[in-house]
C-alpha atoms as a PDB file:
ATOM      1  CA  MET A   1     -57.794 105.365 -11.495  1.00  0.00           C
ATOM      2  CA  ASN A   2     -61.328 105.868 -12.410  1.00  0.00           C
ATOM      3  CA  LYS A   3     -64.083 105.827 -10.397  1.00  0.00           C
ATOM      4  CA  TYR A   4     -65.244 102.205 -12.125  1.00  0.00           C
ATOM      5  CA  HIS A   5     -61.782 100.981 -10.845  1.00  0.00           C
ATOM      6  CA  GLU A   6     -61.667 102.517  -7.474  1.00  0.00           C
ATOM      7  CA  ALA A   7     -65.674 101.291  -6.764  1.00  0.00           C
ATOM      8  CA  ASN A   8     -64.522  97.813  -7.653  1.00  0.00           C
ATOM      9  CA  ARG A   9     -61.079  97.763  -5.852  1.00  0.00           C
ATOM     10  CA  LYS A  10     -62.855  98.595  -2.576  1.00  0.00           C
ATOM     11  CA  GLY A  11     -65.296  96.120  -3.556  1.00  0.00           C
ATOM     12  CA  TRP A  12     -63.339  93.318  -3.776  1.00  0.00           C
ATOM     13  CA  ASP A  13     -61.387  94.510  -0.445  1.00  0.00           C
ATOM     14  CA  ALA A  14     -64.412  93.942   1.024  1.00  0.00           C
ATOM     15  CA  VAL A  15     -65.327  90.540  -0.207  1.00  0.00           C
ATOM     16  CA  SER A  16     -62.156  89.132  -0.178  1.00  0.00           C
ATOM     17  CA  PRO A  17     -62.177  87.756   3.457  1.00  0.00           C
ATOM     18  CA  ILE A  18     -65.407  85.595   2.133  1.00  0.00           C
ATOM     19  CA  TRP A  19     -64.260  84.786  -1.269  1.00  0.00           C
ATOM     20  CA  GLN A  20     -60.885  83.329  -0.091  1.00  0.00           C
ATOM     21  CA  ALA A  21     -62.650  81.608   2.568  1.00  0.00           C
ATOM     22  CA  GLY A  22     -64.279  79.412  -0.200  1.00  0.00           C
ATOM     23  CA  ILE A  23     -60.974  79.043  -2.030  1.00  0.00           C
ATOM     24  CA  GLU A  24     -59.384  77.839   1.651  1.00  0.00           C
ATOM     25  CA  GLN A  25     -62.335  75.125   1.735  1.00  0.00           C
ATOM     26  CA  HIS A  26     -61.548  74.076  -1.968  1.00  0.00           C
ATOM     27  CA  GLY A  27     -58.126  73.239  -1.091  1.00  0.00           C
ATOM     28  CA  VAL A  28     -56.988  73.477  -4.694  1.00  0.00           C
ATOM     29  CA  TRP A  29     -53.995  76.450  -3.515  1.00  0.00           C
ATOM     30  CA  HIS A  30     -52.170  73.400  -1.441  1.00  0.00           C
ATOM     31  CA  ARG A  31     -51.970  71.647  -4.462  1.00  0.00           C
ATOM     32  CA  CYS A  32     -52.065  73.623  -8.018  1.00  0.00           C
ATOM     33  CA  HIS A  33     -48.126  74.107  -7.865  1.00  0.00           C
ATOM     34  CA  ARG A  34     -47.464  70.481  -7.668  1.00  0.00           C
ATOM     35  CA  GLU A  35     -50.645  69.435 -10.211  1.00  0.00           C
ATOM     36  CA  PRO A  36     -50.795  72.415 -12.580  1.00  0.00           C
ATOM     37  CA  GLU A  37     -53.568  70.307 -14.499  1.00  0.00           C
ATOM     38  CA  LEU A  38     -56.294  71.480 -11.578  1.00  0.00           C
ATOM     39  CA  VAL A  39     -56.159  75.155 -12.983  1.00  0.00           C
ATOM     40  CA  LEU A  40     -54.340  75.551 -16.311  1.00  0.00           C
ATOM     41  CA  ARG A  41     -55.881  73.472 -19.397  1.00  0.00           C
ATOM     42  CA  PRO A  42     -54.275  71.357 -21.631  1.00  0.00           C
ATOM     43  CA  GLU A  43     -54.852  73.831 -24.748  1.00  0.00           C
ATOM     44  CA  GLU A  44     -53.360  76.554 -22.272  1.00  0.00           C
ATOM     45  CA  ARG A  45     -50.325  74.611 -21.547  1.00  0.00           C
ATOM     46  CA  ARG A  46     -49.728  73.796 -24.875  1.00  0.00           C
ATOM     47  CA  TYR A  47     -49.379  76.962 -26.093  1.00  0.00           C
ATOM     48  CA  LEU A  48     -47.271  78.227 -22.929  1.00  0.00           C
ATOM     49  CA  GLY A  49     -44.933  75.477 -23.340  1.00  0.00           C
ATOM     50  CA  ASP A  50     -41.834  74.955 -21.048  1.00  0.00           C
ATOM     51  CA  VAL A  51     -42.235  78.054 -18.856  1.00  0.00           C
ATOM     52  CA  ALA A  52     -38.861  76.996 -16.513  1.00  0.00           C
ATOM     53  CA  GLY A  53     -36.726  80.308 -16.215  1.00  0.00           C
ATOM     54  CA  GLN A  54     -39.065  82.725 -17.837  1.00  0.00           C
ATOM     55  CA  GLU A  55     -40.544  86.083 -16.306  1.00  0.00           C
ATOM     56  CA  ILE A  56     -44.571  85.648 -16.464  1.00  0.00           C
ATOM     57  CA  CYS A  57     -46.459  88.364 -15.392  1.00  0.00           C
ATOM     58  CA  VAL A  58     -50.313  87.464 -14.045  1.00  0.00           C
ATOM     59  CA  LEU A  59     -52.677  90.425 -14.501  1.00  0.00           C
ATOM     60  CA  GLY A  60     -55.698  90.367 -12.031  1.00  0.00           C
ATOM     61  CA  SER A  61     -54.578  87.224  -9.772  1.00  0.00           C
ATOM     62  CA  GLY A  62     -57.663  87.190  -8.057  1.00  0.00           C
ATOM     63  CA  ASP A  63     -57.044  83.749  -6.160  1.00  0.00           C
ATOM     64  CA  ASN A  64     -53.527  83.641  -7.528  1.00  0.00           C
ATOM     65  CA  LEU A  65     -54.214  79.728  -8.248  1.00  0.00           C
ATOM     66  CA  VAL A  66     -52.528  80.241 -11.830  1.00  0.00           C
ATOM     67  CA  VAL A  67     -49.508  82.128 -10.234  1.00  0.00           C
ATOM     68  CA  PHE A  68     -49.114  79.478  -8.149  1.00  0.00           C
ATOM     69  CA  ALA A  69     -49.270  76.796 -10.912  1.00  0.00           C
ATOM     70  CA  LEU A  70     -46.886  78.919 -12.979  1.00  0.00           C
ATOM     71  CA  ALA A  71     -44.386  79.220 -10.168  1.00  0.00           C
ATOM     72  CA  GLY A  72     -44.436  75.605  -9.595  1.00  0.00           C
ATOM     73  CA  LEU A  73     -43.172  74.892 -13.331  1.00  0.00           C
ATOM     74  CA  GLY A  74     -40.334  76.820 -12.496  1.00  0.00           C
ATOM     75  CA  ALA A  75     -41.521  80.626 -14.146  1.00  0.00           C
ATOM     76  CA  ARG A  76     -40.530  83.422 -11.953  1.00  0.00           C
ATOM     77  CA  VAL A  77     -43.985  85.076 -11.427  1.00  0.00           C
ATOM     78  CA  THR A  78     -45.155  88.348 -10.813  1.00  0.00           C
ATOM     79  CA  SER A  79     -48.829  88.701  -9.583  1.00  0.00           C
ATOM     80  CA  VAL A  80     -50.343  92.040 -10.137  1.00  0.00           C
ATOM     81  CA  ASP A  81     -53.952  92.580  -8.294  1.00  0.00           C
ATOM     82  CA  ILE A  82     -55.919  95.964  -7.539  1.00  0.00           C
ATOM     83  CA  SER A  83     -56.804  94.545  -4.198  1.00  0.00           C
ATOM     84  CA  GLN A  84     -54.252  94.328  -1.435  1.00  0.00           C
ATOM     85  CA  VAL A  85     -56.475  91.895   0.505  1.00  0.00           C
ATOM     86  CA  GLN A  86     -56.224  89.995  -2.073  1.00  0.00           C
ATOM     87  CA  LEU A  87     -52.548  90.089  -2.659  1.00  0.00           C
ATOM     88  CA  ASP A  88     -52.172  89.706   1.310  1.00  0.00           C
ATOM     89  CA  THR A  89     -53.821  86.558   1.331  1.00  0.00           C
ATOM     90  CA  ALA A  90     -51.748  85.156  -1.765  1.00  0.00           C
ATOM     91  CA  ALA A  91     -48.550  86.188  -0.306  1.00  0.00           C
ATOM     92  CA  ARG A  92     -49.235  84.436   2.784  1.00  0.00           C
ATOM     93  CA  ARG A  93     -50.098  81.274   1.177  1.00  0.00           C
ATOM     94  CA  ALA A  94     -47.218  81.853  -1.380  1.00  0.00           C
ATOM     95  CA  ARG A  95     -44.775  81.904   1.655  1.00  0.00           C
ATOM     96  CA  GLU A  96     -46.739  78.636   2.954  1.00  0.00           C
ATOM     97  CA  LEU A  97     -45.983  77.076  -0.314  1.00  0.00           C
ATOM     98  CA  ASP A  98     -42.529  78.275   0.036  1.00  0.00           C
ATOM     99  CA  LEU A  99     -42.957  79.912  -3.710  1.00  0.00           C
ATOM    100  CA  ASP A 100     -40.933  82.614  -4.711  1.00  0.00           C
ATOM    101  CA  VAL A 101     -43.412  85.200  -6.214  1.00  0.00           C
ATOM    102  CA  ARG A 102     -43.608  88.773  -6.410  1.00  0.00           C
ATOM    103  CA  PHE A 103     -46.534  90.500  -5.527  1.00  0.00           C
ATOM    104  CA  LEU A 104     -47.818  94.050  -7.271  1.00  0.00           C
ATOM    105  CA  ARG A 105     -50.841  96.061  -6.432  1.00  0.00           C
ATOM    106  CA  ALA A 106     -52.140  97.967  -9.321  1.00  0.00           C
ATOM    107  CA  ASP A 107     -54.465  98.808 -11.980  1.00  0.00           C
ATOM    108  CA  VAL A 108     -54.295  96.697 -14.916  1.00  0.00           C
ATOM    109  CA  THR A 109     -54.639  99.612 -17.342  1.00  0.00           C
ATOM    110  CA  ASP A 110     -51.944 101.560 -15.154  1.00  0.00           C
ATOM    111  CA  LEU A 111     -49.059  99.237 -14.825  1.00  0.00           C
ATOM    112  CA  SER A 112     -46.371 102.184 -15.179  1.00  0.00           C
ATOM    113  CA  ALA A 113     -44.717 100.887 -12.134  1.00  0.00           C
ATOM    114  CA  ILE A 114     -43.278  98.140 -14.374  1.00  0.00           C
ATOM    115  CA  PRO A 115     -40.868  99.044 -17.040  1.00  0.00           C
ATOM    116  CA  ASP A 116     -41.070  98.201 -20.879  1.00  0.00           C
ATOM    117  CA  ALA A 117     -40.523  94.729 -22.289  1.00  0.00           C
ATOM    118  CA  SER A 118     -40.037  93.017 -18.645  1.00  0.00           C
ATOM    119  CA  PHE A 119     -41.413  89.950 -19.231  1.00  0.00           C
ATOM    120  CA  ASP A 120     -41.385  86.739 -21.377  1.00  0.00           C
ATOM    121  CA  GLY A 121     -44.985  86.243 -21.180  1.00  0.00           C
ATOM    122  CA  VAL A 122     -48.403  87.772 -19.919  1.00  0.00           C
ATOM    123  CA  TYR A 123     -51.406  85.625 -18.652  1.00  0.00           C
ATOM    124  CA  THR A 124     -54.637  87.082 -17.691  1.00  0.00           C
ATOM    125  CA  GLY A 125     -58.229  85.962 -17.450  1.00  0.00           C
ATOM    126  CA  GLY A 126     -60.606  83.726 -15.576  1.00  0.00           C
ATOM    127  CA  HIS A 127     -63.004  86.856 -14.591  1.00  0.00           C
ATOM    128  CA  VAL A 128     -60.823  90.161 -15.170  1.00  0.00           C
ATOM    129  CA  ALA A 129     -61.925  91.894 -18.223  1.00  0.00           C
ATOM    130  CA  VAL A 130     -65.614  92.284 -16.551  1.00  0.00           C
ATOM    131  CA  TRP A 131     -63.958  94.507 -14.066  1.00  0.00           C
ATOM    132  CA  VAL A 132     -62.045  96.819 -16.387  1.00  0.00           C
ATOM    133  CA  SER A 133     -63.943  99.331 -18.053  1.00  0.00           C
ATOM    134  CA  ASP A 134     -61.169  99.925 -20.839  1.00  0.00           C
ATOM    135  CA  LEU A 135     -59.926  96.776 -22.533  1.00  0.00           C
ATOM    136  CA  ARG A 136     -57.653  98.506 -25.129  1.00  0.00           C
ATOM    137  CA  ARG A 137     -55.358 100.520 -22.466  1.00  0.00           C
ATOM    138  CA  TYR A 138     -55.459  96.951 -20.518  1.00  0.00           C
ATOM    139  CA  TYR A 139     -54.173  95.146 -23.417  1.00  0.00           C
ATOM    140  CA  ALA A 140     -52.097  97.992 -24.329  1.00  0.00           C
ATOM    141  CA  GLU A 141     -50.297  97.528 -20.893  1.00  0.00           C
ATOM    142  CA  ALA A 142     -50.152  94.083 -21.062  1.00  0.00           C
ATOM    143  CA  GLY A 143     -48.143  94.174 -25.072  1.00  0.00           C
ATOM    144  CA  ARG A 144     -46.336  97.427 -23.324  1.00  0.00           C
ATOM    145  CA  ILE A 145     -44.453  95.070 -20.775  1.00  0.00           C
ATOM    146  CA  LEU A 146     -43.950  92.238 -23.049  1.00  0.00           C
ATOM    147  CA  ARG A 147     -40.457  91.743 -24.365  1.00  0.00           C
ATOM    148  CA  PRO A 148     -40.601  91.223 -28.189  1.00  0.00           C
ATOM    149  CA  GLY A 149     -41.397  87.461 -28.946  1.00  0.00           C
ATOM    150  CA  GLY A 150     -43.321  87.290 -25.842  1.00  0.00           C
ATOM    151  CA  LEU A 151     -46.871  85.299 -25.368  1.00  0.00           C
ATOM    152  CA  PHE A 152     -49.971  86.992 -24.578  1.00  0.00           C
ATOM    153  CA  MET A 153     -52.527  84.617 -23.422  1.00  0.00           C
ATOM    154  CA  VAL A 154     -55.738  85.457 -22.542  1.00  0.00           C
ATOM    155  CA  ASN A 155     -58.416  82.715 -21.157  1.00  0.00           C
ATOM    156  CA  GLU A 156     -61.659  84.694 -20.225  1.00  0.00           C
ATOM    157  CA  TYR A 157     -65.064  83.690 -19.126  1.00  0.00           C
ATOM    158  CA  HIS A 158     -67.212  83.498 -22.399  1.00  0.00           C
ATOM    159  CA  PRO A 159     -68.829  86.937 -23.369  1.00  0.00           C
ATOM    160  CA  PHE A 160     -72.082  84.727 -24.293  1.00  0.00           C
ATOM    161  CA  ARG A 161     -72.648  83.755 -20.989  1.00  0.00           C
ATOM    162  CA  ARG A 162     -72.661  87.397 -19.806  1.00  0.00           C
ATOM    163  CA  ILE A 163     -75.665  88.345 -21.670  1.00  0.00           C
ATOM    164  CA  TRP A 164     -78.295  86.152 -19.586  1.00  0.00           C
ATOM    165  CA  ARG A 165     -80.510  87.380 -17.090  1.00  0.00           C
ATOM    166  CA  TRP A 166     -79.273  85.770 -13.375  1.00  0.00           C
ATOM    167  CA  GLY A 167     -81.470  82.362 -12.440  1.00  0.00           C
ATOM    168  CA  ALA A 168     -83.741  82.894 -15.130  1.00  0.00           C
ATOM    169  CA  THR A 169     -85.253  79.148 -16.394  1.00  0.00           C
ATOM    170  CA  PRO A 170     -85.533  78.917 -19.350  1.00  0.00           C
ATOM    171  CA  LEU A 171     -82.683  81.460 -20.466  1.00  0.00           C
ATOM    172  CA  GLU A 172     -83.997  84.890 -20.938  1.00  0.00           C
ATOM    173  CA  LEU A 173     -81.640  87.931 -22.020  1.00  0.00           C
ATOM    174  CA  GLU A 174     -80.599  90.251 -19.580  1.00  0.00           C
ATOM    175  CA  ALA A 175     -78.923  92.786 -22.184  1.00  0.00           C
ATOM    176  CA  SER A 176     -77.885  93.085 -25.472  1.00  0.00           C
ATOM    177  CA  TYR A 177     -74.868  91.516 -26.540  1.00  0.00           C
ATOM    178  CA  PHE A 178     -73.387  94.646 -27.895  1.00  0.00           C
ATOM    179  CA  VAL A 179     -74.188  96.778 -24.913  1.00  0.00           C
ATOM    180  CA  ARG A 180     -70.846  97.260 -22.753  1.00  0.00           C
ATOM    181  CA  GLY A 181     -71.745  98.991 -19.914  1.00  0.00           C
ATOM    182  CA  PRO A 182     -71.426 100.048 -17.203  1.00  0.00           C
ATOM    183  CA  PHE A 183     -73.434  97.769 -15.260  1.00  0.00           C
ATOM    184  CA  GLN A 184     -74.092  99.070 -11.736  1.00  0.00           C
ATOM    185  CA  THR A 185     -74.320  96.178  -9.240  1.00  0.00           C
ATOM    186  CA  ASP A 186     -74.070  95.960  -5.441  1.00  0.00           C
ATOM    187  CA  ARG A 187     -71.918  93.654  -3.280  1.00  0.00           C
ATOM    188  CA  SER A 188     -73.357  94.506  -0.026  1.00  0.00           C
ATOM    189  CA  ASP A 189     -74.952  90.935   0.259  1.00  0.00           C
ATOM    190  CA  GLU A 190     -71.987  89.249   0.102  1.00  0.00           C
ATOM    191  CA  VAL A 191     -70.404  91.275   3.492  1.00  0.00           C
ATOM    192  CA  ASP A 192     -72.281  90.542   6.451  1.00  0.00           C
ATOM    193  CA  GLY A 193     -73.757  93.424   8.318  1.00  0.00           C
ATOM    194  CA  ALA A 194     -73.198  95.700   5.376  1.00  0.00           C
ATOM    195  CA  ALA A 195     -75.833  98.312   4.333  1.00  0.00           C
ATOM    196  CA  PRO A 196     -77.842  97.634   1.138  1.00  0.00           C
ATOM    197  CA  GLY A 197     -75.920  99.778  -1.705  1.00  0.00           C
ATOM    198  CA  SER A 198     -72.763 100.385   0.310  1.00  0.00           C
ATOM    199  CA  ILE A 199     -70.601  98.122  -2.180  1.00  0.00           C
ATOM    200  CA  PRO A 200     -71.640  99.510  -5.403  1.00  0.00           C
ATOM    201  CA  SER A 201     -69.212  97.902  -8.358  1.00  0.00           C
ATOM    202  CA  TYR A 202     -69.352  98.159 -11.960  1.00  0.00           C
ATOM    203  CA  GLU A 203     -69.493  95.475 -14.792  1.00  0.00           C
ATOM    204  CA  PHE A 204     -68.397  95.725 -18.458  1.00  0.00           C
ATOM    205  CA  HIS A 205     -69.267  93.101 -21.069  1.00  0.00           C
ATOM    206  CA  TRP A 206     -66.951  92.790 -23.901  1.00  0.00           C
ATOM    207  CA  THR A 207     -67.473  90.884 -27.085  1.00  0.00           C
ATOM    208  CA  VAL A 208     -65.102  88.298 -29.225  1.00  0.00           C
ATOM    209  CA  SER A 209     -64.285  90.758 -31.531  1.00  0.00           C
ATOM    210  CA  ASP A 210     -63.450  93.351 -28.673  1.00  0.00           C
ATOM    211  CA  TYR A 211     -61.010  90.771 -26.968  1.00  0.00           C
ATOM    212  CA  VAL A 212     -59.265  90.214 -30.566  1.00  0.00           C
ATOM    213  CA  SER A 213     -58.713  93.754 -31.722  1.00  0.00           C
ATOM    214  CA  ALA A 214     -57.497  94.818 -28.331  1.00  0.00           C
ATOM    215  CA  MET A 215     -54.602  92.312 -28.274  1.00  0.00           C
ATOM    216  CA  LEU A 216     -54.052  93.229 -31.944  1.00  0.00           C
ATOM    217  CA  ALA A 217     -53.900  96.662 -31.265  1.00  0.00           C
ATOM    218  CA  ALA A 218     -51.457  96.069 -28.186  1.00  0.00           C
ATOM    219  CA  GLY A 219     -49.008  94.667 -31.272  1.00  0.00           C
ATOM    220  CA  CYS A 220     -49.296  91.128 -30.906  1.00  0.00           C
ATOM    221  CA  ARG A 221     -49.962  88.596 -33.606  1.00  0.00           C
ATOM    222  CA  ILE A 222     -52.831  86.274 -33.085  1.00  0.00           C
ATOM    223  CA  LEU A 223     -51.333  82.356 -32.656  1.00  0.00           C
ATOM    224  CA  ALA A 224     -54.805  81.072 -31.442  1.00  0.00           C
ATOM    225  CA  LEU A 225     -58.489  81.566 -30.817  1.00  0.00           C
ATOM    226  CA  GLU A 226     -60.214  78.671 -29.167  1.00  0.00           C
ATOM    227  CA  GLU A 227     -63.384  78.398 -27.576  1.00  0.00           C
ATOM    228  CA  MET A 228     -63.452  75.601 -24.437  1.00  0.00           C
ATOM    229  CA  GLY A 229     -66.209  73.748 -22.351  1.00  0.00           C
ATOM    230  CA  ASP A 230     -70.024  73.442 -22.750  1.00  0.00           C
ATOM    231  CA  GLY A 231     -70.786  72.552 -19.217  1.00  0.00           C
ATOM    232  CA  LEU A 232     -71.932  74.321 -16.212  1.00  0.00           C
ATOM    233  CA  GLU A 233     -70.088  75.988 -13.257  1.00  0.00           C
ATOM    234  CA  GLU A 234     -71.251  74.868  -9.793  1.00  0.00           C
ATOM    235  CA  TRP A 235     -71.863  78.454  -9.174  1.00  0.00           C
ATOM    236  CA  GLU A 236     -73.966  79.341 -11.967  1.00  0.00           C
ATOM    237  CA  ASN A 237     -77.831  79.441 -11.394  1.00  0.00           C
ATOM    238  CA  ALA A 238     -79.037  79.282 -15.212  1.00  0.00           C
ATOM    239  CA  PRO A 239     -79.213  76.778 -17.751  1.00  0.00           C
ATOM    240  CA  LEU A 240     -76.288  77.516 -19.668  1.00  0.00           C
ATOM    241  CA  GLU A 241     -75.171  74.049 -20.958  1.00  0.00           C
ATOM    242  CA  GLY A 242     -74.372  73.985 -24.307  1.00  0.00           C
ATOM    243  CA  LEU A 243     -72.574  77.604 -24.475  1.00  0.00           C
ATOM    244  CA  PRO A 244     -68.770  78.350 -24.574  1.00  0.00           C
ATOM    245  CA  LEU A 245     -67.309  78.568 -21.573  1.00  0.00           C
ATOM    246  CA  CYS A 246     -64.153  79.791 -22.191  1.00  0.00           C
ATOM    247  CA  LEU A 247     -62.324  82.208 -24.656  1.00  0.00           C
ATOM    248  CA  LEU A 248     -58.716  81.373 -25.313  1.00  0.00           C
ATOM    249  CA  LEU A 249     -56.747  84.228 -26.929  1.00  0.00           C
ATOM    250  CA  VAL A 250     -52.889  83.755 -27.780  1.00  0.00           C
ATOM    251  CA  GLY A 251     -50.793  86.368 -29.021  1.00  0.00           C
ATOM    252  CA  ARG A 252     -46.967  86.750 -29.889  1.00  0.00           C
ATOM    253  CA  LYS A 253     -45.599  90.423 -29.330  1.00  0.00           C
ATOM    254  CA  GLU A 254     -44.231  91.731 -32.873  1.00  0.00           C
END
């Protein structure tokens, strides 16, 4: 694990209790296995089709809401995340929901614990790529664990929204769209009692062409590229309305 990913792993382990408290308060995790539309967009459902009985791997599973939704639809799901604390919370919730989910702690750029051609589908996205220093290696691993003909679905926070200064009104450019990073930040303000600067983390900003070329390099034929949504998320504090919210990329393993 490289230094950027190790720092991000420690950061997620540190902030996970606070992050998961917000997930708990929101309550969607209780319902998404019965109401998958709470976390899966209609466009995603259309391309996923009937997943009952399929082996699906979710990379960078985080809050595991998509994991629970897919399990509720009948898929046999493997949840992969870099943070053991995140996975422990998800495993407890899965037991409470009586969902049979496999949990695996791994860096998405090194899935050596998973054999080649193990899955019918791989799902990833939300806010995963921003923490990953090598997008091509990440997607290459996703392609490797897919069976021929398997579906590779990426639904990422749109890169057009990552280039603006936090809280600036009107919008003010933070960095060029073409600067990939790393951008060092500090998460100590998210943890009570943490010393300033004690939880460094690193972000990477990928372009639309980076996502497309990485999926192609992973041996997948592009089936769809869609941009979805233009509203403001509740946590965003800059006037981003009108910019695309999500980038959906769907590929088929050749």
